[in-house]
Amino acid sequence: MTRWMVMKATVLLCLVALLGGCDSQASELSDEERVVDPSPVETLVLSTTEFTDSFQVLGSAEPVDTVQVSSDVPGKILNARVDEGDPVRSGQALFRIDTETDEAGQQVLETQVEAAERELARLERLLEEGLATEQQVDNARTELESARKNLRQSQVSLGRSTVTSPIDGFVSIRFQDTGEFANAGAPLVEIIDYSRIAVFAQVPESEIRHIEADPDIEVDVDIPALDATYRGTIERIALRPSANTRTYTVEIHIDNEDLRIRPGMRTRAHFVRATYEEAIVIPRDSILEGFEGREVMVVPGSEEIDHAQVRRIQTGPGSRDEVVVLDGLKAGDRLILRGHRGLIGDAHVEVVEERDQHTERQKRLEGGEP
């Protein structure tokens, strides 16, 4: 046997002897000395609460009433009496249209009526003398009626030389100015009444079944620009979705008497899917993903030092931070909030802090928090 082999055998014998000594010492430890220190955890005593399952949809605010006012007669604009942003009343004069051409045409029509009247009178005298026929007289009457009709239409047109506002509101856009030519039917000005706002929310087809047009159902609408929430009612739900987005337009009306909401402002409408009267709601961070589904850790007893227990749960709807538990937990359960990750069932734990869910909710409500 070489010297190297002898040294190797000696080292191996020493290791065996050392390990044997360790096992002997370990076997001499009592059960109490082998107990692992409990893991510190924080718990939450659960209580029931009302939970509203909702979803939000983006939209925009628009005035309920919008009209574009035009002139019924063509002509030069003699006077544009309003500017953008001006308030107007129903019947207020907005524009004055030059109708000199129509006035000249009216004089021609008046002359034609007078001539038709004289012709009819002449033929009626000739008919009495037997020098005219009934057909000639009837034709003269028709010509007179046509001339009178044209004259009446001209008189109506002259009466429309002043363009007035059909509603109370504000001038949103002025399309033409003094000195420009106004064509009949072309818009001169747009007037809006935004004392009542229409919010147009685009609702996905997967959610439209949760919405119905009912004046008794109110909808919360956030206006981010104003940092405010308003209450509105659903006035209309589109029968067909948008071809591009496959969303249904839902029209919500909001009172805006103080005119704070301006047309075009972005909105967030909140619609309710369902309301749970007495729900168990837990923080989303307390949920673990187990092999057979979602789980949480609870402390079943009321002692400060106890054993953790795995509880399989069935979850329902939730918000960003909270989830409704449909099965697996009840009021009074001590849910482990902190220190639960890495624990196993029956792990020895020590509750270092315990909070009461009902008390915390009351404090938030008193402080004005949602």
Protein backbone atom coordinates (compact mmCIF):
# COMPACT_ATOMS: atom_id res chain seq x y z
CA MET A 1 0.00 0.00 0.00
CA THR A 2 1.42 3.34 -0.99
CA ARG A 3 1.85 6.24 1.38
CA TRP A 4 -0.87 8.26 -0.47
CA MET A 5 -3.42 5.49 -0.01
CA VAL A 6 -2.66 5.25 3.70
CA MET A 7 -3.26 9.00 4.16
CA LYS A 8 -6.56 8.80 2.23
CA ALA A 9 -7.81 5.94 4.40
CA THR A 10 -6.89 7.84 7.55
CA VAL A 11 -8.88 10.91 6.46
CA LEU A 12 -11.94 8.80 5.70
CA LEU A 13 -11.81 7.17 9.14
CA CYS A 14 -11.66 10.58 10.79
CA LEU A 15 -14.71 11.82 8.88
CA VAL A 16 -16.73 8.75 9.83
CA ALA A 17 -15.83 9.22 13.48
CA LEU A 18 -16.78 12.92 13.36
CA LEU A 19 -20.17 12.26 11.78
CA GLY A 20 -20.88 9.56 14.27
CA GLY A 21 -20.23 12.03 17.07
CA CYS A 22 -22.65 14.59 15.55
CA ASP A 23 -25.45 12.03 15.25
CA SER A 24 -24.90 11.06 18.81
CA GLN A 25 -25.20 14.67 19.97
CA ALA A 26 -28.36 15.26 17.85
CA SER A 27 -30.02 12.17 19.27
CA GLU A 28 -29.46 13.56 22.74
CA LEU A 29 -31.52 16.81 21.98
CA SER A 30 -34.94 16.88 23.59
CA ASP A 31 -38.15 17.55 21.61
CA GLU A 32 -38.43 21.03 23.20
CA GLU A 33 -34.88 21.89 22.04
CA ARG A 34 -35.76 20.90 18.46
CA VAL A 35 -38.90 23.21 18.29
CA VAL A 36 -38.56 25.94 15.60
CA ASP A 37 -39.37 29.50 16.62
CA PRO A 38 -42.90 30.59 15.49
CA SER A 39 -43.19 32.75 12.38
CA PRO A 40 -44.49 36.28 13.09
CA VAL A 41 -47.71 37.14 11.23
CA GLU A 42 -50.26 39.94 11.03
CA THR A 43 -53.96 39.05 10.95
CA LEU A 44 -57.27 40.70 10.06
CA VAL A 45 -60.52 39.75 11.79
CA LEU A 46 -63.08 39.60 8.96
CA SER A 47 -66.57 41.11 8.91
CA THR A 48 -69.28 41.37 6.28
CA THR A 49 -69.94 44.50 4.23
CA GLU A 50 -71.84 45.66 1.15
CA PHE A 51 -69.91 45.36 -2.10
CA THR A 52 -70.87 46.79 -5.48
CA ASP A 53 -69.49 45.08 -8.55
CA SER A 54 -69.14 47.77 -11.21
CA PHE A 55 -67.24 48.66 -14.35
CA GLN A 56 -66.34 52.01 -15.87
CA VAL A 57 -66.53 53.25 -19.45
CA LEU A 58 -64.88 56.28 -21.01
CA GLY A 59 -66.94 58.87 -22.85
CA SER A 60 -67.36 62.56 -23.55
CA ALA A 61 -69.71 65.34 -22.46
CA GLU A 62 -71.83 67.09 -25.09
CA PRO A 63 -74.73 69.56 -24.93
CA VAL A 64 -78.20 68.02 -25.10
CA ASP A 65 -79.47 70.75 -27.47
CA THR A 66 -77.39 71.86 -30.47
CA VAL A 67 -78.81 73.72 -33.47
CA GLN A 68 -77.27 75.24 -36.57
CA VAL A 69 -79.16 78.33 -37.69
CA SER A 70 -79.35 79.27 -41.37
CA SER A 71 -81.11 81.89 -43.51
CA ASP A 72 -84.20 80.97 -45.50
CA VAL A 73 -83.34 83.56 -48.14
CA PRO A 74 -80.06 84.24 -49.95
CA GLY A 75 -78.41 87.62 -49.65
CA LYS A 76 -75.57 89.69 -48.29
CA ILE A 77 -75.17 89.73 -44.50
CA LEU A 78 -75.81 93.32 -43.44
CA ASN A 79 -75.26 92.78 -39.73
CA ALA A 80 -73.88 89.87 -37.66
CA ARG A 81 -75.07 90.74 -34.19
CA VAL A 82 -73.48 87.96 -32.08
CA ASP A 83 -69.98 86.61 -31.43
CA GLU A 84 -68.80 83.18 -30.28
CA GLY A 85 -69.48 82.67 -26.58
CA ASP A 86 -72.35 85.17 -26.44
CA PRO A 87 -75.52 84.09 -24.61
CA VAL A 88 -78.70 84.30 -26.72
CA ARG A 89 -82.42 84.01 -26.04
CA SER A 90 -85.08 82.31 -28.11
CA GLY A 91 -86.32 84.78 -30.77
CA GLN A 92 -83.29 87.07 -30.48
CA ALA A 93 -82.10 88.58 -33.80
CA LEU A 94 -78.76 87.13 -34.90
CA PHE A 95 -78.25 88.30 -38.53
CA ARG A 96 -79.81 90.79 -40.93
CA ILE A 97 -79.87 89.67 -44.58
CA ASP A 98 -79.97 92.11 -47.52
CA THR A 99 -83.19 91.36 -49.48
CA GLU A 100 -83.19 94.27 -51.98
CA THR A 101 -83.31 91.79 -54.85
CA ASP A 102 -86.34 90.10 -53.33
CA GLU A 103 -88.02 93.48 -52.80
CA ALA A 104 -87.58 94.29 -56.48
CA GLY A 105 -88.98 90.90 -57.40
CA GLN A 106 -91.95 91.51 -55.13
CA GLN A 107 -92.79 94.70 -56.99
CA VAL A 108 -92.81 92.74 -60.24
CA LEU A 109 -95.11 90.15 -58.70
CA GLU A 110 -97.48 92.86 -57.43
CA THR A 111 -97.65 94.25 -60.96
CA GLN A 112 -98.42 90.78 -62.33
CA VAL A 113 -101.26 90.35 -59.82
CA GLU A 114 -102.77 93.71 -60.81
CA ALA A 115 -102.54 92.82 -64.50
CA ALA A 116 -104.16 89.40 -63.90
CA GLU A 117 -107.01 91.04 -61.98
CA ARG A 118 -107.68 93.51 -64.82
CA GLU A 119 -107.59 90.73 -67.42
CA LEU A 120 -110.07 88.64 -65.46
CA ALA A 121 -112.45 91.59 -65.07
CA ARG A 122 -112.23 92.34 -68.82
CA LEU A 123 -113.01 88.75 -69.81
CA GLU A 124 -115.93 88.55 -67.38
CA ARG A 125 -117.48 91.65 -69.07
CA LEU A 126 -116.90 90.14 -72.50
CA LEU A 127 -118.50 86.88 -71.32
CA GLU A 128 -121.66 88.79 -70.38
CA GLU A 129 -121.69 90.35 -73.85
CA GLY A 130 -121.13 86.96 -75.47
CA LEU A 131 -117.73 87.97 -76.78
CA ALA A 132 -115.67 85.59 -74.57
CA THR A 133 -115.93 81.93 -73.57
CA GLU A 134 -116.11 80.22 -70.18
CA GLN A 135 -112.75 78.60 -70.92
CA GLN A 136 -111.09 81.99 -71.34
CA VAL A 137 -112.51 83.20 -68.03
CA ASP A 138 -111.36 80.04 -66.20
CA ASN A 139 -107.87 80.45 -67.60
CA ALA A 140 -107.78 84.05 -66.39
CA ARG A 141 -108.82 82.98 -62.88
CA THR A 142 -106.01 80.38 -62.82
CA GLU A 143 -103.45 82.98 -63.89
CA LEU A 144 -104.60 85.34 -61.14
CA GLU A 145 -104.41 82.66 -58.44
CA SER A 146 -100.87 81.71 -59.54
CA ALA A 147 -99.73 85.34 -59.43
CA ARG A 148 -101.20 85.82 -55.95
CA LYS A 149 -99.48 82.65 -54.70
CA ASN A 150 -96.09 83.84 -55.98
CA LEU A 151 -96.63 87.19 -54.28
CA ARG A 152 -97.45 85.56 -50.94
CA GLN A 153 -94.29 83.45 -51.10
CA SER A 154 -92.22 86.54 -51.82
CA GLN A 155 -93.78 88.36 -48.87
CA VAL A 156 -92.94 85.43 -46.58
CA SER A 157 -89.33 85.46 -47.77
CA LEU A 158 -89.04 89.17 -47.07
CA GLY A 159 -90.29 88.54 -43.55
CA ARG A 160 -87.36 86.12 -43.06
CA SER A 161 -84.63 88.62 -43.77
CA THR A 162 -83.93 88.70 -40.02
CA VAL A 163 -82.42 85.42 -38.72
CA THR A 164 -83.38 84.66 -35.11
CA SER A 165 -82.36 82.08 -32.51
CA PRO A 166 -84.77 79.16 -32.02
CA ILE A 167 -83.50 78.31 -28.48
CA ASP A 168 -81.89 79.77 -25.39
CA GLY A 169 -78.19 79.03 -25.25
CA PHE A 170 -74.71 80.17 -26.23
CA VAL A 171 -73.08 80.83 -29.59
CA SER A 172 -70.65 77.97 -30.13
CA ILE A 173 -69.49 78.69 -33.70
CA ARG A 174 -70.12 81.63 -36.05
CA PHE A 175 -69.61 80.45 -39.62
CA GLN A 176 -70.06 83.78 -41.46
CA ASP A 177 -69.49 87.47 -40.80
CA THR A 178 -70.86 90.83 -41.85
CA GLY A 179 -70.39 91.51 -45.56
CA GLU A 180 -70.31 87.86 -46.62
CA PHE A 181 -72.98 86.31 -48.82
CA ALA A 182 -75.38 83.91 -47.13
CA ASN A 183 -76.84 81.10 -49.19
CA ALA A 184 -80.29 79.86 -48.28
CA GLY A 185 -79.95 76.82 -46.01
CA ALA A 186 -76.22 77.29 -45.33
CA PRO A 187 -75.41 77.47 -41.58
CA LEU A 188 -74.61 80.90 -40.21
CA VAL A 189 -74.14 80.08 -36.54
CA GLU A 190 -74.24 77.11 -34.12
CA ILE A 191 -76.04 77.53 -30.80
CA ILE A 192 -75.75 75.11 -27.90
CA ASP A 193 -77.65 74.77 -24.65
CA TYR A 194 -75.44 72.92 -22.17
CA SER A 195 -77.48 73.53 -19.02
CA ARG A 196 -78.12 69.81 -19.44
CA ILE A 197 -75.26 67.57 -20.55
CA ALA A 198 -75.39 64.36 -22.54
CA VAL A 199 -72.60 61.87 -21.82
CA PHE A 200 -72.01 59.35 -24.59
CA ALA A 201 -70.41 56.21 -23.11
CA GLN A 202 -69.16 53.41 -25.37
CA VAL A 203 -70.10 50.14 -23.64
CA PRO A 204 -68.61 46.80 -24.82
CA GLU A 205 -71.11 44.22 -26.02
CA SER A 206 -70.01 41.88 -23.21
CA GLU A 207 -71.31 44.40 -20.63
CA ILE A 208 -74.39 45.85 -22.34
CA ARG A 209 -76.66 43.24 -20.70
CA HIS A 210 -76.09 44.93 -17.33
CA ILE A 211 -77.54 48.26 -18.50
CA GLU A 212 -81.15 49.35 -18.97
CA ALA A 213 -82.73 52.72 -19.74
CA ASP A 214 -84.62 53.46 -16.53
CA PRO A 215 -85.13 57.00 -15.18
CA ASP A 216 -85.11 55.59 -11.63
CA ILE A 217 -81.59 54.17 -12.02
CA GLU A 218 -78.84 56.71 -11.46
CA VAL A 219 -75.30 56.45 -12.82
CA ASP A 220 -72.14 57.97 -11.33
CA VAL A 221 -70.14 59.96 -13.87
CA ASP A 222 -66.64 61.24 -13.07
CA ILE A 223 -65.38 64.43 -14.75
CA PRO A 224 -61.57 64.22 -14.30
CA ALA A 225 -61.03 67.84 -15.41
CA LEU A 226 -63.25 69.05 -12.54
CA ASP A 227 -62.22 66.35 -10.06
CA ALA A 228 -65.93 65.82 -9.41
CA THR A 229 -68.57 63.10 -9.68
CA TYR A 230 -72.10 63.76 -10.95
CA ARG A 231 -75.29 61.70 -10.93
CA GLY A 232 -77.06 61.07 -14.23
CA THR A 233 -79.84 58.97 -15.74
CA ILE A 234 -79.72 56.71 -18.80
CA GLU A 235 -81.84 58.21 -21.58
CA ARG A 236 -81.03 55.98 -24.52
CA ILE A 237 -79.19 52.77 -25.44
CA ALA A 238 -78.20 52.24 -29.07
CA LEU A 239 -79.86 49.26 -30.74
CA ARG A 240 -76.82 48.55 -32.91
CA PRO A 241 -73.12 48.57 -32.01
CA SER A 242 -70.48 50.63 -33.74
CA ALA A 243 -69.14 48.80 -36.77
CA ASN A 244 -65.54 49.70 -35.87
CA THR A 245 -65.40 49.22 -32.09
CA ARG A 246 -68.33 46.81 -31.50
CA THR A 247 -69.46 49.03 -28.62
CA TYR A 248 -72.95 50.31 -27.89
CA THR A 249 -73.49 54.02 -27.29
CA VAL A 250 -75.26 54.72 -23.99
CA GLU A 251 -76.56 58.28 -23.57
CA ILE A 252 -76.59 59.64 -20.00
CA HIS A 253 -78.10 63.02 -19.09
CA ILE A 254 -76.72 65.20 -16.28
CA ASP A 255 -78.05 68.50 -14.92
CA ASN A 256 -75.48 71.26 -15.47
CA GLU A 257 -77.25 74.41 -14.30
CA ASP A 258 -74.02 75.96 -13.01
CA LEU A 259 -72.42 75.30 -16.44
CA ARG A 260 -69.28 73.82 -14.85
CA ILE A 261 -69.22 70.88 -17.24
CA ARG A 262 -68.06 72.14 -20.62
CA PRO A 263 -68.81 70.39 -23.89
CA GLY A 264 -66.04 68.02 -24.95
CA MET A 265 -64.81 67.17 -21.44
CA ARG A 266 -63.78 63.54 -20.93
CA THR A 267 -65.92 61.39 -18.66
CA ARG A 268 -65.86 58.06 -16.82
CA ALA A 269 -69.28 56.46 -16.33
CA HIS A 270 -69.67 53.76 -13.65
CA PHE A 271 -72.23 51.00 -14.29
CA VAL A 272 -73.31 48.40 -11.70
CA ARG A 273 -73.24 44.69 -12.52
CA ALA A 274 -74.45 43.42 -9.13
CA THR A 275 -74.64 44.40 -5.45
CA TYR A 276 -73.70 42.02 -2.61
CA GLU A 277 -75.46 42.91 0.64
CA GLU A 278 -73.32 40.95 3.16
CA ALA A 279 -70.07 40.05 1.46
CA ILE A 280 -66.73 38.88 2.78
CA VAL A 281 -64.17 41.13 1.09
CA ILE A 282 -60.44 40.50 1.56
CA PRO A 283 -57.27 42.23 0.31
CA ARG A 284 -56.08 40.81 -2.99
CA ASP A 285 -52.52 40.49 -1.62
CA SER A 286 -53.66 37.93 0.95
CA ILE A 287 -54.61 35.37 -1.72
CA LEU A 288 -52.25 32.53 -2.68
CA GLU A 289 -52.38 30.45 -5.84
CA GLY A 290 -52.44 26.78 -4.78
CA PHE A 291 -52.26 23.62 -6.86
CA GLU A 292 -56.03 23.16 -6.71
CA GLY A 293 -57.12 26.77 -6.78
CA ARG A 294 -56.95 29.92 -4.70
CA GLU A 295 -56.06 29.69 -1.03
CA VAL A 296 -55.55 31.87 2.02
CA MET A 297 -53.89 31.29 5.38
CA VAL A 298 -55.87 31.74 8.60
CA VAL A 299 -55.21 31.37 12.32
CA PRO A 300 -58.09 29.22 13.55
CA GLY A 301 -57.67 29.88 17.26
CA SER A 302 -57.60 33.04 19.34
CA GLU A 303 -54.23 32.46 21.00
CA GLU A 304 -51.28 34.67 20.16
CA ILE A 305 -49.17 31.62 19.33
CA ASP A 306 -50.98 29.11 17.16
CA HIS A 307 -50.78 27.07 13.98
CA ALA A 308 -51.54 28.43 10.48
CA GLN A 309 -54.25 26.72 8.48
CA VAL A 310 -54.68 26.59 4.72
CA ARG A 311 -58.20 27.51 3.60
CA ARG A 312 -59.30 26.96 0.00
CA ILE A 313 -61.63 29.75 -1.20
CA GLN A 314 -63.92 30.57 -4.09
CA THR A 315 -63.61 34.16 -5.26
CA GLY A 316 -66.08 36.41 -7.05
CA PRO A 317 -65.83 39.94 -8.42
CA GLY A 318 -63.34 42.44 -7.11
CA SER A 319 -61.70 45.80 -7.45
CA ARG A 320 -58.08 46.71 -7.91
CA ASP A 321 -57.18 45.97 -4.26
CA GLU A 322 -60.01 43.78 -2.93
CA VAL A 323 -61.82 40.55 -3.85
CA VAL A 324 -65.18 39.12 -2.77
CA VAL A 325 -64.96 35.62 -1.27
CA LEU A 326 -68.03 33.55 -2.16
CA ASP A 327 -67.05 30.44 -0.18
CA GLY A 328 -64.36 29.41 2.28
CA LEU A 329 -64.36 32.31 4.75
CA LYS A 330 -66.85 33.79 7.19
CA ALA A 331 -67.15 36.74 9.54
CA GLY A 332 -64.84 36.37 12.54
CA ASP A 333 -62.12 34.41 10.72
CA ARG A 334 -58.56 35.59 11.41
CA LEU A 335 -57.02 36.08 7.96
CA ILE A 336 -53.22 36.24 7.77
CA LEU A 337 -52.27 39.44 5.93
CA ARG A 338 -48.50 39.55 6.40
CA GLY A 339 -46.07 36.69 6.72
CA HIS A 340 -48.32 34.17 4.95
CA ARG A 341 -46.11 33.69 1.92
CA GLY A 342 -43.77 30.75 2.42
CA LEU A 343 -45.88 29.26 5.24
CA ILE A 344 -47.18 25.71 5.05
CA GLY A 345 -50.20 24.15 6.71
CA ASP A 346 -49.88 23.72 10.51
CA ALA A 347 -46.86 26.01 10.59
CA HIS A 348 -46.19 27.46 14.04
CA VAL A 349 -47.07 31.21 13.98
CA GLU A 350 -47.22 34.09 16.40
CA VAL A 351 -49.71 36.92 15.86
CA VAL A 352 -47.70 40.10 16.37
CA GLU A 353 -50.46 42.45 15.21
CA GLU A 354 -54.20 41.93 14.72
CA ARG A 355 -56.62 44.41 13.16
CA ASP A 356 -60.39 44.47 13.03
CA GLN A 357 -61.89 44.91 9.57
CA HIS A 358 -65.13 46.49 10.80
CA THR A 359 -63.29 49.07 12.90
CA GLU A 360 -61.02 50.00 9.99
CA ARG A 361 -64.01 50.53 7.69
CA GLN A 362 -65.68 52.79 10.24
CA LYS A 363 -62.53 54.91 10.53
CA ARG A 364 -62.33 55.27 6.73
CA LEU A 365 -65.96 56.37 6.54
CA GLU A 366 -65.50 58.91 9.33
CA GLY A 367 -62.44 60.24 7.51
CA GLY A 368 -64.38 60.60 4.27
CA GLU A 369 -62.44 57.88 2.45
CA PRO A 370 -64.25 55.58 -0.01
